[in-house]
């Protein structure tokens, strides 16, 4: 199983970035997908989740600014991040969790997002 994140980088406040996570080695439509983030000195926190059928859920700090989506045909999950703030700076991780076995989950290596002027 392999999850490869991309799209991170340095962006000014109020700017936008789009993160990508490409999955291989799994039957993608059987997995819920999510983005988490971890800032220095802080615990990893949930950013957003999306089910195989497209149901979404967001952390309070990113609601109305971030949008999670997925393309089951391309085995890819996306995170569109708008109106970025310095406090969004973190390493962002992709996660997939089997819909019938929550103990079967996998993580990507992470991609750094830095929001700074």
PDB file of N, CA and C in Angstrom:
ATOM      1  N   UNK A   1       0.850  -1.174   0.000  1.00  0.00           N
ATOM      2  CA  UNK A   1       0.000   0.000   0.000  1.00  0.00           C
ATOM      3  C   UNK A   1       0.897   1.239   0.000  1.00  0.00           C
ATOM      4  N   UNK A   2       0.518   2.193  -0.807  1.00  0.00           N
ATOM      5  CA  UNK A   2       1.310   3.415  -0.877  1.00  0.00           C
ATOM      6  C   UNK A   2       0.383   4.605  -1.012  1.00  0.00           C
ATOM      7  N   UNK A   3       0.621   5.627  -0.180  1.00  0.00           N
ATOM      8  CA  UNK A   3      -0.079   6.901  -0.265  1.00  0.00           C
ATOM      9  C   UNK A   3       0.966   7.991  -0.489  1.00  0.00           C
ATOM     10  N   UNK A   4       0.824   8.739  -1.552  1.00  0.00           N
ATOM     11  CA  UNK A   4       1.797   9.764  -1.889  1.00  0.00           C
ATOM     12  C   UNK A   4       1.104  11.117  -1.929  1.00  0.00           C
ATOM     13  N   UNK A   5       1.479  11.985  -0.971  1.00  0.00           N
ATOM     14  CA  UNK A   5       0.928  13.339  -0.934  1.00  0.00           C
ATOM     15  C   UNK A   5       1.798  14.286  -1.750  1.00  0.00           C
ATOM     16  N   UNK A   6       1.166  15.317  -2.284  1.00  0.00           N
ATOM     17  CA  UNK A   6       1.888  16.369  -2.994  1.00  0.00           C
ATOM     18  C   UNK A   6       1.060  17.635  -2.946  1.00  0.00           C
ATOM     19  N   UNK A   7       1.676  18.743  -3.358  1.00  0.00           N
ATOM     20  CA  UNK A   7       0.955  20.002  -3.434  1.00  0.00           C
ATOM     21  C   UNK A   7       1.257  20.978  -2.319  1.00  0.00           C
ATOM     22  N   UNK A   8       2.010  20.544  -1.329  1.00  0.00           N
ATOM     23  CA  UNK A   8       2.354  21.458  -0.254  1.00  0.00           C
ATOM     24  C   UNK A   8       3.353  22.509  -0.697  1.00  0.00           C
ATOM     25  N   UNK A   9       3.590  23.481   0.184  1.00  0.00           N
ATOM     26  CA  UNK A   9       4.558  24.521  -0.135  1.00  0.00           C
ATOM     27  C   UNK A   9       4.368  25.724   0.739  1.00  0.00           C
ATOM     28  N   UNK A  10       4.972  26.821   0.310  1.00  0.00           N
ATOM     29  CA  UNK A  10       4.897  28.095   1.022  1.00  0.00           C
ATOM     30  C   UNK A  10       3.876  28.986   0.329  1.00  0.00           C
ATOM     31  N   UNK A  11       2.991  29.561   1.124  1.00  0.00           N
ATOM     32  CA  UNK A  11       1.946  30.420   0.570  1.00  0.00           C
ATOM     33  C   UNK A  11       1.729  31.587   1.517  1.00  0.00           C
ATOM     34  N   UNK A  12       1.346  32.735   0.951  1.00  0.00           N
ATOM     35  CA  UNK A  12       1.047  33.901   1.785  1.00  0.00           C
ATOM     36  C   UNK A  12      -0.311  33.744   2.449  1.00  0.00           C
ATOM     37  N   UNK A  13      -0.508  34.427   3.562  1.00  0.00           N
ATOM     38  CA  UNK A  13      -1.851  34.431   4.180  1.00  0.00           C
ATOM     39  C   UNK A  13      -2.911  34.878   3.183  1.00  0.00           C
ATOM     40  N   UNK A  14      -4.067  34.290   3.304  1.00  0.00           N
ATOM     41  CA  UNK A  14      -5.264  34.428   2.449  1.00  0.00           C
ATOM     42  C   UNK A  14      -5.083  33.768   1.093  1.00  0.00           C
ATOM     43  N   UNK A  15      -3.918  33.148   0.869  1.00  0.00           N
ATOM     44  CA  UNK A  15      -3.707  32.419  -0.371  1.00  0.00           C
ATOM     45  C   UNK A  15      -4.362  31.052  -0.344  1.00  0.00           C
ATOM     46  N   UNK A  16      -4.131  30.279  -1.431  1.00  0.00           N
ATOM     47  CA  UNK A  16      -4.735  28.962  -1.594  1.00  0.00           C
ATOM     48  C   UNK A  16      -3.689  27.932  -1.989  1.00  0.00           C
ATOM     49  N   UNK A  17      -3.971  26.701  -1.626  1.00  0.00           N
ATOM     50  CA  UNK A  17      -3.175  25.551  -2.066  1.00  0.00           C
ATOM     51  C   UNK A  17      -4.120  24.376  -2.272  1.00  0.00           C
ATOM     52  N   UNK A  18      -3.713  23.452  -3.128  1.00  0.00           N
ATOM     53  CA  UNK A  18      -4.466  22.218  -3.314  1.00  0.00           C
ATOM     54  C   UNK A  18      -3.533  21.042  -3.077  1.00  0.00           C
ATOM     55  N   UNK A  19      -3.916  20.202  -2.143  1.00  0.00           N
ATOM     56  CA  UNK A  19      -3.142  19.010  -1.830  1.00  0.00           C
ATOM     57  C   UNK A  19      -3.724  17.801  -2.562  1.00  0.00           C
ATOM     58  N   UNK A  20      -2.828  16.887  -2.904  1.00  0.00           N
ATOM     59  CA  UNK A  20      -3.210  15.664  -3.593  1.00  0.00           C
ATOM     60  C   UNK A  20      -2.684  14.471  -2.802  1.00  0.00           C
ATOM     61  N   UNK A  21      -3.445  13.378  -2.826  1.00  0.00           N
ATOM     62  CA  UNK A  21      -2.982  12.130  -2.237  1.00  0.00           C
ATOM     63  C   UNK A  21      -3.369  11.003  -3.190  1.00  0.00           C
ATOM     64  N   UNK A  22      -2.359  10.378  -3.775  1.00  0.00           N
ATOM     65  CA  UNK A  22      -2.582   9.283  -4.699  1.00  0.00           C
ATOM     66  C   UNK A  22      -2.354   7.955  -3.985  1.00  0.00           C
ATOM     67  N   UNK A  23      -3.339   7.084  -4.047  1.00  0.00           N
ATOM     68  CA  UNK A  23      -3.268   5.794  -3.360  1.00  0.00           C
ATOM     69  C   UNK A  23      -3.039   4.666  -4.356  1.00  0.00           C
ATOM     70  N   UNK A  24      -2.276   3.674  -3.932  1.00  0.00           N
ATOM     71  CA  UNK A  24      -2.079   2.474  -4.731  1.00  0.00           C
ATOM     72  C   UNK A  24      -1.994   1.283  -3.797  1.00  0.00           C
ATOM     73  N   UNK A  25      -2.352   0.118  -4.323  1.00  0.00           N
ATOM     74  CA  UNK A  25      -2.279  -1.097  -3.519  1.00  0.00           C
ATOM     75  C   UNK A  25      -3.516  -1.390  -2.693  1.00  0.00           C
ATOM     76  N   UNK A  26      -4.570  -0.585  -2.851  1.00  0.00           N
ATOM     77  CA  UNK A  26      -5.827  -0.824  -2.143  1.00  0.00           C
ATOM     78  C   UNK A  26      -6.984  -0.693  -3.123  1.00  0.00           C
ATOM     79  N   UNK A  27      -8.133  -1.254  -2.719  1.00  0.00           N
ATOM     80  CA  UNK A  27      -9.362  -1.022  -3.478  1.00  0.00           C
ATOM     81  C   UNK A  27      -9.934   0.285  -2.944  1.00  0.00           C
ATOM     82  N   UNK A  28      -9.626   1.362  -3.614  1.00  0.00           N
ATOM     83  CA  UNK A  28      -9.845   2.706  -3.085  1.00  0.00           C
ATOM     84  C   UNK A  28     -11.297   2.936  -2.679  1.00  0.00           C
ATOM     85  N   UNK A  29     -12.252   2.406  -3.410  1.00  0.00           N
ATOM     86  CA  UNK A  29     -13.665   2.671  -3.119  1.00  0.00           C
ATOM     87  C   UNK A  29     -14.126   2.000  -1.838  1.00  0.00           C
ATOM     88  N   UNK A  30     -13.299   1.171  -1.221  1.00  0.00           N
ATOM     89  CA  UNK A  30     -13.635   0.541   0.054  1.00  0.00           C
ATOM     90  C   UNK A  30     -13.040   1.286   1.245  1.00  0.00           C
ATOM     91  N   UNK A  31     -12.453   2.419   1.002  1.00  0.00           N
ATOM     92  CA  UNK A  31     -11.779   3.161   2.065  1.00  0.00           C
ATOM     93  C   UNK A  31     -12.334   4.556   2.229  1.00  0.00           C
ATOM     94  N   UNK A  32     -12.608   4.911   3.479  1.00  0.00           N
ATOM     95  CA  UNK A  32     -12.789   6.327   3.814  1.00  0.00           C
ATOM     96  C   UNK A  32     -11.426   7.001   3.710  1.00  0.00           C
ATOM     97  N   UNK A  33     -11.418   8.261   3.329  1.00  0.00           N
ATOM     98  CA  UNK A  33     -10.164   8.973   3.215  1.00  0.00           C
ATOM     99  C   UNK A  33     -10.238  10.247   4.053  1.00  0.00           C
ATOM    100  N   UNK A  34      -9.088  10.674   4.515  1.00  0.00           N
ATOM    101  CA  UNK A  34      -9.055  11.831   5.404  1.00  0.00           C
ATOM    102  C   UNK A  34      -7.726  12.551   5.264  1.00  0.00           C
ATOM    103  N   UNK A  35      -7.772  13.795   5.665  1.00  0.00           N
ATOM    104  CA  UNK A  35      -6.566  14.597   5.839  1.00  0.00           C
ATOM    105  C   UNK A  35      -6.432  14.957   7.307  1.00  0.00           C
ATOM    106  N   UNK A  36      -5.244  14.789   7.838  1.00  0.00           N
ATOM    107  CA  UNK A  36      -4.890  15.227   9.175  1.00  0.00           C
ATOM    108  C   UNK A  36      -3.722  16.211   9.045  1.00  0.00           C
ATOM    109  N   UNK A  37      -3.470  16.933  10.120  1.00  0.00           N
ATOM    110  CA  UNK A  37      -2.305  17.810  10.133  1.00  0.00           C
ATOM    111  C   UNK A  37      -1.675  17.828  11.512  1.00  0.00           C
ATOM    112  N   UNK A  38      -0.393  18.126  11.521  1.00  0.00           N
ATOM    113  CA  UNK A  38       0.322  18.231  12.789  1.00  0.00           C
ATOM    114  C   UNK A  38       1.294  19.394  12.712  1.00  0.00           C
ATOM    115  N   UNK A  39       1.077  20.343  13.598  1.00  0.00           N
ATOM    116  CA  UNK A  39       1.965  21.495  13.703  1.00  0.00           C
ATOM    117  C   UNK A  39       3.041  21.202  14.742  1.00  0.00           C
ATOM    118  N   UNK A  40       4.173  21.884  14.678  1.00  0.00           N
ATOM    119  CA  UNK A  40       5.245  21.639  15.646  1.00  0.00           C
ATOM    120  C   UNK A  40       4.764  21.805  17.075  1.00  0.00           C
ATOM    121  N   UNK A  41       5.044  20.820  17.908  1.00  0.00           N
ATOM    122  CA  UNK A  41       4.678  20.891  19.315  1.00  0.00           C
ATOM    123  C   UNK A  41       3.220  20.622  19.610  1.00  0.00           C
ATOM    124  N   UNK A  42       2.440  20.261  18.584  1.00  0.00           N
ATOM    125  CA  UNK A  42       1.017  20.017  18.787  1.00  0.00           C
ATOM    126  C   UNK A  42       0.661  18.592  18.380  1.00  0.00           C
ATOM    127  N   UNK A  43      -0.498  18.153  18.857  1.00  0.00           N
ATOM    128  CA  UNK A  43      -0.981  16.826  18.487  1.00  0.00           C
ATOM    129  C   UNK A  43      -1.544  16.841  17.069  1.00  0.00           C
ATOM    130  N   UNK A  44      -1.535  15.674  16.454  1.00  0.00           N
ATOM    131  CA  UNK A  44      -2.128  15.546  15.132  1.00  0.00           C
ATOM    132  C   UNK A  44      -3.643  15.772  15.249  1.00  0.00           C
ATOM    133  N   UNK A  45      -4.196  16.549  14.337  1.00  0.00           N
ATOM    134  CA  UNK A  45      -5.620  16.833  14.383  1.00  0.00           C
ATOM    135  C   UNK A  45      -6.276  16.513  13.047  1.00  0.00           C
ATOM    136  N   UNK A  46      -7.560  16.165  13.140  1.00  0.00           N
ATOM    137  CA  UNK A  46      -8.330  15.857  11.945  1.00  0.00           C
ATOM    138  C   UNK A  46      -8.669  17.151  11.211  1.00  0.00           C
ATOM    139  N   UNK A  47      -8.448  17.145   9.900  1.00  0.00           N
ATOM    140  CA  UNK A  47      -8.808  18.293   9.073  1.00  0.00           C
ATOM    141  C   UNK A  47     -10.138  18.040   8.382  1.00  0.00           C
ATOM    142  N   UNK A  48     -10.233  16.902   7.688  1.00  0.00           N
ATOM    143  CA  UNK A  48     -11.458  16.605   6.936  1.00  0.00           C
ATOM    144  C   UNK A  48     -11.485  15.133   6.580  1.00  0.00           C
ATOM    145  N   UNK A  49     -12.703  14.617   6.423  1.00  0.00           N
ATOM    146  CA  UNK A  49     -12.884  13.245   5.980  1.00  0.00           C
ATOM    147  C   UNK A  49     -13.889  13.199   4.839  1.00  0.00           C
ATOM    148  N   UNK A  50     -13.793  12.143   4.042  1.00  0.00           N
ATOM    149  CA  UNK A  50     -14.769  11.923   2.978  1.00  0.00           C
ATOM    150  C   UNK A  50     -14.966  10.425   2.805  1.00  0.00           C
ATOM    151  N   UNK A  51     -16.230  10.018   2.732  1.00  0.00           N
ATOM    152  CA  UNK A  51     -16.559   8.609   2.552  1.00  0.00           C
ATOM    153  C   UNK A  51     -16.489   8.238   1.068  1.00  0.00           C
ATOM    154  N   UNK A  52     -16.522   6.944   0.764  1.00  0.00           N
ATOM    155  CA  UNK A  52     -16.493   6.553  -0.653  1.00  0.00           C
ATOM    156  C   UNK A  52     -17.641   7.140  -1.468  1.00  0.00           C
ATOM    157  N   UNK A  53     -18.777   7.377  -0.830  1.00  0.00           N
ATOM    158  CA  UNK A  53     -19.929   7.931  -1.547  1.00  0.00           C
ATOM    159  C   UNK A  53     -19.937   9.459  -1.562  1.00  0.00           C
ATOM    160  N   UNK A  54     -18.961  10.080  -0.876  1.00  0.00           N
ATOM    161  CA  UNK A  54     -18.821  11.531  -0.943  1.00  0.00           C
ATOM    162  C   UNK A  54     -19.286  12.306   0.268  1.00  0.00           C
ATOM    163  N   UNK A  55     -19.699  11.649   1.331  1.00  0.00           N
ATOM    164  CA  UNK A  55     -20.064  12.354   2.544  1.00  0.00           C
ATOM    165  C   UNK A  55     -18.846  12.956   3.211  1.00  0.00           C
ATOM    166  N   UNK A  56     -18.957  14.215   3.655  1.00  0.00           N
ATOM    167  CA  UNK A  56     -17.794  14.919   4.185  1.00  0.00           C
ATOM    168  C   UNK A  56     -17.996  15.387   5.616  1.00  0.00           C
ATOM    169  N   UNK A  57     -16.874  15.603   6.279  1.00  0.00           N
ATOM    170  CA  UNK A  57     -16.880  16.136   7.637  1.00  0.00           C
ATOM    171  C   UNK A  57     -15.610  16.958   7.785  1.00  0.00           C
ATOM    172  N   UNK A  58     -15.706  18.090   8.528  1.00  0.00           N
ATOM    173  CA  UNK A  58     -14.575  19.005   8.652  1.00  0.00           C
ATOM    174  C   UNK A  58     -14.300  19.355  10.103  1.00  0.00           C
ATOM    175  N   UNK A  59     -13.031  19.601  10.390  1.00  0.00           N
ATOM    176  CA  UNK A  59     -12.686  20.164  11.681  1.00  0.00           C
ATOM    177  C   UNK A  59     -13.192  21.588  11.779  1.00  0.00           C
ATOM    178  N   UNK A  60     -13.491  22.032  12.991  1.00  0.00           N
ATOM    179  CA  UNK A  60     -14.088  23.355  13.174  1.00  0.00           C
ATOM    180  C   UNK A  60     -13.196  24.470  12.640  1.00  0.00           C
ATOM    181  N   UNK A  61     -11.889  24.293  12.750  1.00  0.00           N
ATOM    182  CA  UNK A  61     -10.973  25.374  12.380  1.00  0.00           C
ATOM    183  C   UNK A  61     -10.855  25.566  10.866  1.00  0.00           C
ATOM    184  N   UNK A  62     -11.348  24.629  10.073  1.00  0.00           N
ATOM    185  CA  UNK A  62     -11.194  24.737   8.622  1.00  0.00           C
ATOM    186  C   UNK A  62     -12.525  24.806   7.889  1.00  0.00           C
ATOM    187  N   UNK A  63     -13.625  24.683   8.600  1.00  0.00           N
ATOM    188  CA  UNK A  63     -14.941  24.745   7.955  1.00  0.00           C
ATOM    189  C   UNK A  63     -15.086  26.034   7.175  1.00  0.00           C
ATOM    190  N   UNK A  64     -15.691  25.932   6.015  1.00  0.00           N
ATOM    191  CA  UNK A  64     -15.958  27.067   5.115  1.00  0.00           C
ATOM    192  C   UNK A  64     -14.713  27.596   4.429  1.00  0.00           C
ATOM    193  N   UNK A  65     -13.542  26.994   4.706  1.00  0.00           N
ATOM    194  CA  UNK A  65     -12.310  27.417   4.018  1.00  0.00           C
ATOM    195  C   UNK A  65     -11.699  26.276   3.206  1.00  0.00           C
ATOM    196  N   UNK A  66     -11.816  25.052   3.725  1.00  0.00           N
ATOM    197  CA  UNK A  66     -11.219  23.897   3.067  1.00  0.00           C
ATOM    198  C   UNK A  66     -12.314  23.021   2.473  1.00  0.00           C
ATOM    199  N   UNK A  67     -11.978  22.331   1.376  1.00  0.00           N
ATOM    200  CA  UNK A  67     -12.905  21.396   0.747  1.00  0.00           C
ATOM    201  C   UNK A  67     -12.170  20.105   0.417  1.00  0.00           C
ATOM    202  N   UNK A  68     -12.694  18.995   0.924  1.00  0.00           N
ATOM    203  CA  UNK A  68     -12.127  17.691   0.607  1.00  0.00           C
ATOM    204  C   UNK A  68     -12.963  17.061  -0.508  1.00  0.00           C
ATOM    205  N   UNK A  69     -12.294  16.372  -1.409  1.00  0.00           N
ATOM    206  CA  UNK A  69     -12.984  15.673  -2.488  1.00  0.00           C
ATOM    207  C   UNK A  69     -12.156  14.452  -2.881  1.00  0.00           C
ATOM    208  N   UNK A  70     -12.748  13.578  -3.673  1.00  0.00           N
ATOM    209  CA  UNK A  70     -12.031  12.383  -4.099  1.00  0.00           C
ATOM    210  C   UNK A  70     -12.491  11.972  -5.479  1.00  0.00           C
ATOM    211  N   UNK A  71     -11.612  11.288  -6.181  1.00  0.00           N
ATOM    212  CA  UNK A  71     -11.919  10.724  -7.487  1.00  0.00           C
ATOM    213  C   UNK A  71     -11.638   9.224  -7.394  1.00  0.00           C
ATOM    214  N   UNK A  72     -12.694   8.427  -7.276  1.00  0.00           N
ATOM    215  CA  UNK A  72     -12.507   6.991  -7.093  1.00  0.00           C
ATOM    216  C   UNK A  72     -11.875   6.341  -8.322  1.00  0.00           C
ATOM    217  N   UNK A  73     -12.071   6.933  -9.479  1.00  0.00           N
ATOM    218  CA  UNK A  73     -11.471   6.387 -10.694  1.00  0.00           C
ATOM    219  C   UNK A  73      -9.974   6.610 -10.760  1.00  0.00           C
ATOM    220  N   UNK A  74      -9.507   7.662 -10.099  1.00  0.00           N
ATOM    221  CA  UNK A  74      -8.080   7.980 -10.098  1.00  0.00           C
ATOM    222  C   UNK A  74      -7.400   7.622  -8.791  1.00  0.00           C
ATOM    223  N   UNK A  75      -8.147   7.015  -7.858  1.00  0.00           N
ATOM    224  CA  UNK A  75      -7.582   6.648  -6.548  1.00  0.00           C
ATOM    225  C   UNK A  75      -6.906   7.840  -5.878  1.00  0.00           C
ATOM    226  N   UNK A  76      -7.554   8.973  -5.936  1.00  0.00           N
ATOM    227  CA  UNK A  76      -6.942  10.202  -5.438  1.00  0.00           C
ATOM    228  C   UNK A  76      -7.922  10.977  -4.567  1.00  0.00           C
ATOM    229  N   UNK A  77      -7.389  11.536  -3.504  1.00  0.00           N
ATOM    230  CA  UNK A  77      -8.160  12.425  -2.639  1.00  0.00           C
ATOM    231  C   UNK A  77      -7.484  13.790  -2.661  1.00  0.00           C
ATOM    232  N   UNK A  78      -8.298  14.837  -2.610  1.00  0.00           N
ATOM    233  CA  UNK A  78      -7.811  16.210  -2.734  1.00  0.00           C
ATOM    234  C   UNK A  78      -8.205  17.017  -1.497  1.00  0.00           C
ATOM    235  N   UNK A  79      -7.445  18.060  -1.232  1.00  0.00           N
ATOM    236  CA  UNK A  79      -7.820  19.027  -0.209  1.00  0.00           C
ATOM    237  C   UNK A  79      -7.574  20.416  -0.779  1.00  0.00           C
ATOM    238  N   UNK A  80      -8.653  21.120  -1.079  1.00  0.00           N
ATOM    239  CA  UNK A  80      -8.564  22.500  -1.541  1.00  0.00           C
ATOM    240  C   UNK A  80      -8.584  23.399  -0.324  1.00  0.00           C
ATOM    241  N   UNK A  81      -7.538  24.187  -0.168  1.00  0.00           N
ATOM    242  CA  UNK A  81      -7.403  25.048   1.010  1.00  0.00           C
ATOM    243  C   UNK A  81      -7.406  26.495   0.561  1.00  0.00           C
ATOM    244  N   UNK A  82      -8.409  27.240   1.009  1.00  0.00           N
ATOM    245  CA  UNK A  82      -8.547  28.651   0.668  1.00  0.00           C
ATOM    246  C   UNK A  82      -8.446  29.508   1.930  1.00  0.00           C
ATOM    247  N   UNK A  83      -8.226  30.780   1.729  1.00  0.00           N
ATOM    248  CA  UNK A  83      -8.149  31.731   2.847  1.00  0.00           C
ATOM    249  C   UNK A  83      -7.199  31.226   3.931  1.00  0.00           C
ATOM    250  N   UNK A  84      -6.036  30.797   3.529  1.00  0.00           N
ATOM    251  CA  UNK A  84      -5.092  30.189   4.463  1.00  0.00           C
ATOM    252  C   UNK A  84      -4.598  31.198   5.495  1.00  0.00           C
ATOM    253  N   UNK A  85      -4.374  30.687   6.688  1.00  0.00           N
ATOM    254  CA  UNK A  85      -3.916  31.485   7.812  1.00  0.00           C
ATOM    255  C   UNK A  85      -2.580  30.929   8.314  1.00  0.00           C
ATOM    256  N   UNK A  86      -1.795  31.739   8.989  1.00  0.00           N
ATOM    257  CA  UNK A  86      -0.532  31.221   9.536  1.00  0.00           C
ATOM    258  C   UNK A  86      -0.732  29.997  10.432  1.00  0.00           C
ATOM    259  N   UNK A  87      -1.841  29.959  11.139  1.00  0.00           N
ATOM    260  CA  UNK A  87      -2.099  28.814  12.022  1.00  0.00           C
ATOM    261  C   UNK A  87      -2.439  27.531  11.266  1.00  0.00           C
ATOM    262  N   UNK A  88      -2.575  27.611   9.966  1.00  0.00           N
ATOM    263  CA  UNK A  88      -2.739  26.396   9.154  1.00  0.00           C
ATOM    264  C   UNK A  88      -1.402  25.731   8.847  1.00  0.00           C
ATOM    265  N   UNK A  89      -0.314  26.377   9.201  1.00  0.00           N
ATOM    266  CA  UNK A  89       1.006  25.812   8.970  1.00  0.00           C
ATOM    267  C   UNK A  89       1.161  24.487   9.713  1.00  0.00           C
ATOM    268  N   UNK A  90       1.511  23.443   8.976  1.00  0.00           N
ATOM    269  CA  UNK A  90       1.623  22.106   9.565  1.00  0.00           C
ATOM    270  C   UNK A  90       2.087  21.134   8.481  1.00  0.00           C
ATOM    271  N   UNK A  91       2.407  19.931   8.921  1.00  0.00           N
ATOM    272  CA  UNK A  91       2.571  18.830   7.978  1.00  0.00           C
ATOM    273  C   UNK A  91       1.199  18.183   7.813  1.00  0.00           C
ATOM    274  N   UNK A  92       0.787  18.028   6.577  1.00  0.00           N
ATOM    275  CA  UNK A  92      -0.523  17.465   6.279  1.00  0.00           C
ATOM    276  C   UNK A  92      -0.350  16.016   5.822  1.00  0.00           C
ATOM    277  N   UNK A  93      -1.144  15.140   6.439  1.00  0.00           N
ATOM    278  CA  UNK A  93      -1.042  13.711   6.177  1.00  0.00           C
ATOM    279  C   UNK A  93      -2.342  13.177   5.585  1.00  0.00           C
ATOM    280  N   UNK A  94      -2.199  12.310   4.628  1.00  0.00           N
ATOM    281  CA  UNK A  94      -3.333  11.593   4.052  1.00  0.00           C
ATOM    282  C   UNK A  94      -3.517  10.273   4.819  1.00  0.00           C
ATOM    283  N   UNK A  95      -4.764   9.914   5.052  1.00  0.00           N
ATOM    284  CA  UNK A  95      -5.093   8.665   5.745  1.00  0.00           C
ATOM    285  C   UNK A  95      -6.240   7.962   5.021  1.00  0.00           C
ATOM    286  N   UNK A  96      -6.149   6.648   4.926  1.00  0.00           N
ATOM    287  CA  UNK A  96      -7.265   5.857   4.408  1.00  0.00           C
ATOM    288  C   UNK A  96      -7.610   4.790   5.436  1.00  0.00           C
ATOM    289  N   UNK A  97      -8.904   4.539   5.610  1.00  0.00           N
ATOM    290  CA  UNK A  97      -9.388   3.582   6.606  1.00  0.00           C
ATOM    291  C   UNK A  97     -10.445   2.702   5.945  1.00  0.00           C
ATOM    292  N   UNK A  98     -10.293   1.384   6.070  1.00  0.00           N
ATOM    293  CA  UNK A  98     -11.233   0.463   5.441  1.00  0.00           C
ATOM    294  C   UNK A  98     -12.622   0.645   6.055  1.00  0.00           C
ATOM    295  N   UNK A  99     -13.639   0.649   5.233  1.00  0.00           N
ATOM    296  CA  UNK A  99     -14.992   0.909   5.738  1.00  0.00           C
ATOM    297  C   UNK A  99     -15.524  -0.205   6.622  1.00  0.00           C
ATOM    298  N   UNK A 100     -15.001  -1.428   6.475  1.00  0.00           N
ATOM    299  CA  UNK A 100     -15.458  -2.554   7.279  1.00  0.00           C
ATOM    300  C   UNK A 100     -14.470  -2.945   8.366  1.00  0.00           C
ATOM    301  N   UNK A 101     -13.335  -2.309   8.405  1.00  0.00           N
ATOM    302  CA  UNK A 101     -12.332  -2.664   9.409  1.00  0.00           C
ATOM    303  C   UNK A 101     -11.532  -1.413   9.749  1.00  0.00           C
ATOM    304  N   UNK A 102     -11.944  -0.739  10.828  1.00  0.00           N
ATOM    305  CA  UNK A 102     -11.288   0.522  11.177  1.00  0.00           C
ATOM    306  C   UNK A 102      -9.843   0.322  11.605  1.00  0.00           C
ATOM    307  N   UNK A 103      -9.474  -0.929  11.908  1.00  0.00           N
ATOM    308  CA  UNK A 103      -8.082  -1.189  12.278  1.00  0.00           C
ATOM    309  C   UNK A 103      -7.186  -1.307  11.054  1.00  0.00           C
ATOM    310  N   UNK A 104      -7.779  -1.322   9.890  1.00  0.00           N
ATOM    311  CA  UNK A 104      -7.007  -1.379   8.651  1.00  0.00           C
ATOM    312  C   UNK A 104      -6.932   0.028   8.090  1.00  0.00           C
ATOM    313  N   UNK A 105      -5.846   0.689   8.399  1.00  0.00           N
ATOM    314  CA  UNK A 105      -5.683   2.044   7.887  1.00  0.00           C
ATOM    315  C   UNK A 105      -4.221   2.284   7.553  1.00  0.00           C
ATOM    316  N   UNK A 106      -4.006   3.265   6.696  1.00  0.00           N
ATOM    317  CA  UNK A 106      -2.670   3.562   6.200  1.00  0.00           C
ATOM    318  C   UNK A 106      -2.463   5.075   6.147  1.00  0.00           C
ATOM    319  N   UNK A 107      -1.182   5.464   6.258  1.00  0.00           N
ATOM    320  CA  UNK A 107      -0.814   6.878   6.277  1.00  0.00           C
ATOM    321  C   UNK A 107       0.206   7.174   5.186  1.00  0.00           C
ATOM    322  N   UNK A 108       0.107   8.396   4.674  1.00  0.00           N
ATOM    323  CA  UNK A 108       1.137   8.882   3.782  1.00  0.00           C
ATOM    324  C   UNK A 108       2.294   9.466   4.572  1.00  0.00           C
ATOM    325  N   UNK A 109       3.289   9.937   3.847  1.00  0.00           N
ATOM    326  CA  UNK A 109       4.504  10.449   4.488  1.00  0.00           C
ATOM    327  C   UNK A 109       4.373  11.915   4.915  1.00  0.00           C
ATOM    328  N   UNK A 110       3.363  12.592   4.440  1.00  0.00           N
ATOM    329  CA  UNK A 110       3.131  13.982   4.820  1.00  0.00           C
ATOM    330  C   UNK A 110       3.692  14.975   3.816  1.00  0.00           C
ATOM    331  N   UNK A 111       3.053  16.131   3.764  1.00  0.00           N
ATOM    332  CA  UNK A 111       3.532  17.223   2.925  1.00  0.00           C
ATOM    333  C   UNK A 111       3.444  18.519   3.739  1.00  0.00           C
ATOM    334  N   UNK A 112       4.490  19.310   3.685  1.00  0.00           N
ATOM    335  CA  UNK A 112       4.575  20.517   4.496  1.00  0.00           C
ATOM    336  C   UNK A 112       3.800  21.661   3.848  1.00  0.00           C
ATOM    337  N   UNK A 113       2.982  22.311   4.652  1.00  0.00           N
ATOM    338  CA  UNK A 113       2.297  23.536   4.244  1.00  0.00           C
ATOM    339  C   UNK A 113       2.730  24.640   5.193  1.00  0.00           C
ATOM    340  N   UNK A 114       3.262  25.707   4.639  1.00  0.00           N
ATOM    341  CA  UNK A 114       3.704  26.851   5.441  1.00  0.00           C
ATOM    342  C   UNK A 114       2.992  28.089   4.946  1.00  0.00           C
ATOM    343  N   UNK A 115       2.303  28.762   5.865  1.00  0.00           N
ATOM    344  CA  UNK A 115       1.584  29.988   5.539  1.00  0.00           C
ATOM    345  C   UNK A 115       2.289  31.139   6.245  1.00  0.00           C
ATOM    346  N   UNK A 116       2.903  31.979   5.458  1.00  0.00           N
ATOM    347  CA  UNK A 116       3.713  33.054   6.041  1.00  0.00           C
ATOM    348  C   UNK A 116       3.861  34.186   5.040  1.00  0.00           C
ATOM    349  N   UNK A 117       3.947  35.395   5.578  1.00  0.00           N
ATOM    350  CA  UNK A 117       4.183  36.554   4.721  1.00  0.00           C
ATOM    351  C   UNK A 117       5.675  36.821   4.602  1.00  0.00           C
TER     352      UNK A 117
END
